[in-house]
Amino acid sequence: VTLNRPDRLNTLTWPMVAQLDELVSRANRDPGIKVFVLQGAGRGFCAGHDLGAMGGESDPLTDKWKDHPIWFEPEQVAARMIEDSQIFISLYRMNKPTIAVMRGPAAGSGLALATACDLRIVSETAFFKTSYASAGRCGEPGSAFLLQRLVGPAKASEFMLLDEKIDAQTALAYGLANKVFPDDALDAEAAKIVAKFASGPGMSYAGIKRNLKAAERLSFEDCVSTEAAQNARASMSHDGKEAGA
């Protein structure tokens, strides 16, 4: 799936967010799809929400809120933000491998999209920025969770509070990026990784993802039980039997 507003660095609008969430849900349900890839058109991945285009006829609440913020209680605005942020949950919970292929900026909600994916394969031109403090906000709902699980509490605090640009090599060093390639090699190298997942054992990947998510919240003993059940199912599947043949 390609975010296709290259003239605006693929900043998000309400219709884009809704369409992206639908595409993720559709891909998650389709047994013929083995891996989900998210990229941006042109020279950027996603520079966040397009704050100048988030209102309009498609969202009367936000349109009115611009001129009359006192009309709405914080709970109303929070509910709209939660609805908008379901895309991060959909990506994070997807039962198939998810890959962000990135060049240029990933800022704000663009950073949240990237961190919701399993892997971030990036160009040397890529950079990351929380951009929340500079926009007078404290983060997309869920962004603190997503960032902290990758880089740890100390670095997540640094990245969010200082709001500094993080280049590709720094991102690689702290686990925010998984692999970095020259810009002209990015697409070909990413295609190799995608092909590996596309031809690989889908049930095993789904089980691995469930195990990793469970490990974030369960005790070690409970993880052992969960992983045993997942491994038993995978071992008895077509993929498991084929690998053992």
Foldseek 3Di string as FASTA:
>chain_A
DELEPVVQLSADEQVRLVVLLVVLVVLLPDPLRAEAEYAYPDAWGYAYHPVVHHDDPVHPVVVVCVPCVVVDDPVVVVVVLVVSCVSLVSLLLRLHAYEYETGDEQEAVSLSNHLSGPAYEYEQRYKYWDCAVVVVHQGRVCSLVSVCVQQNDVVSCVRRVVRDIGGDVNCCVRRVHVHYDHPVCRVVVVVVVSVCSSPADRLVSSLVSVLVVCVVPDDPVVSVVSSVVSVVVSCPDPRNVVVVD
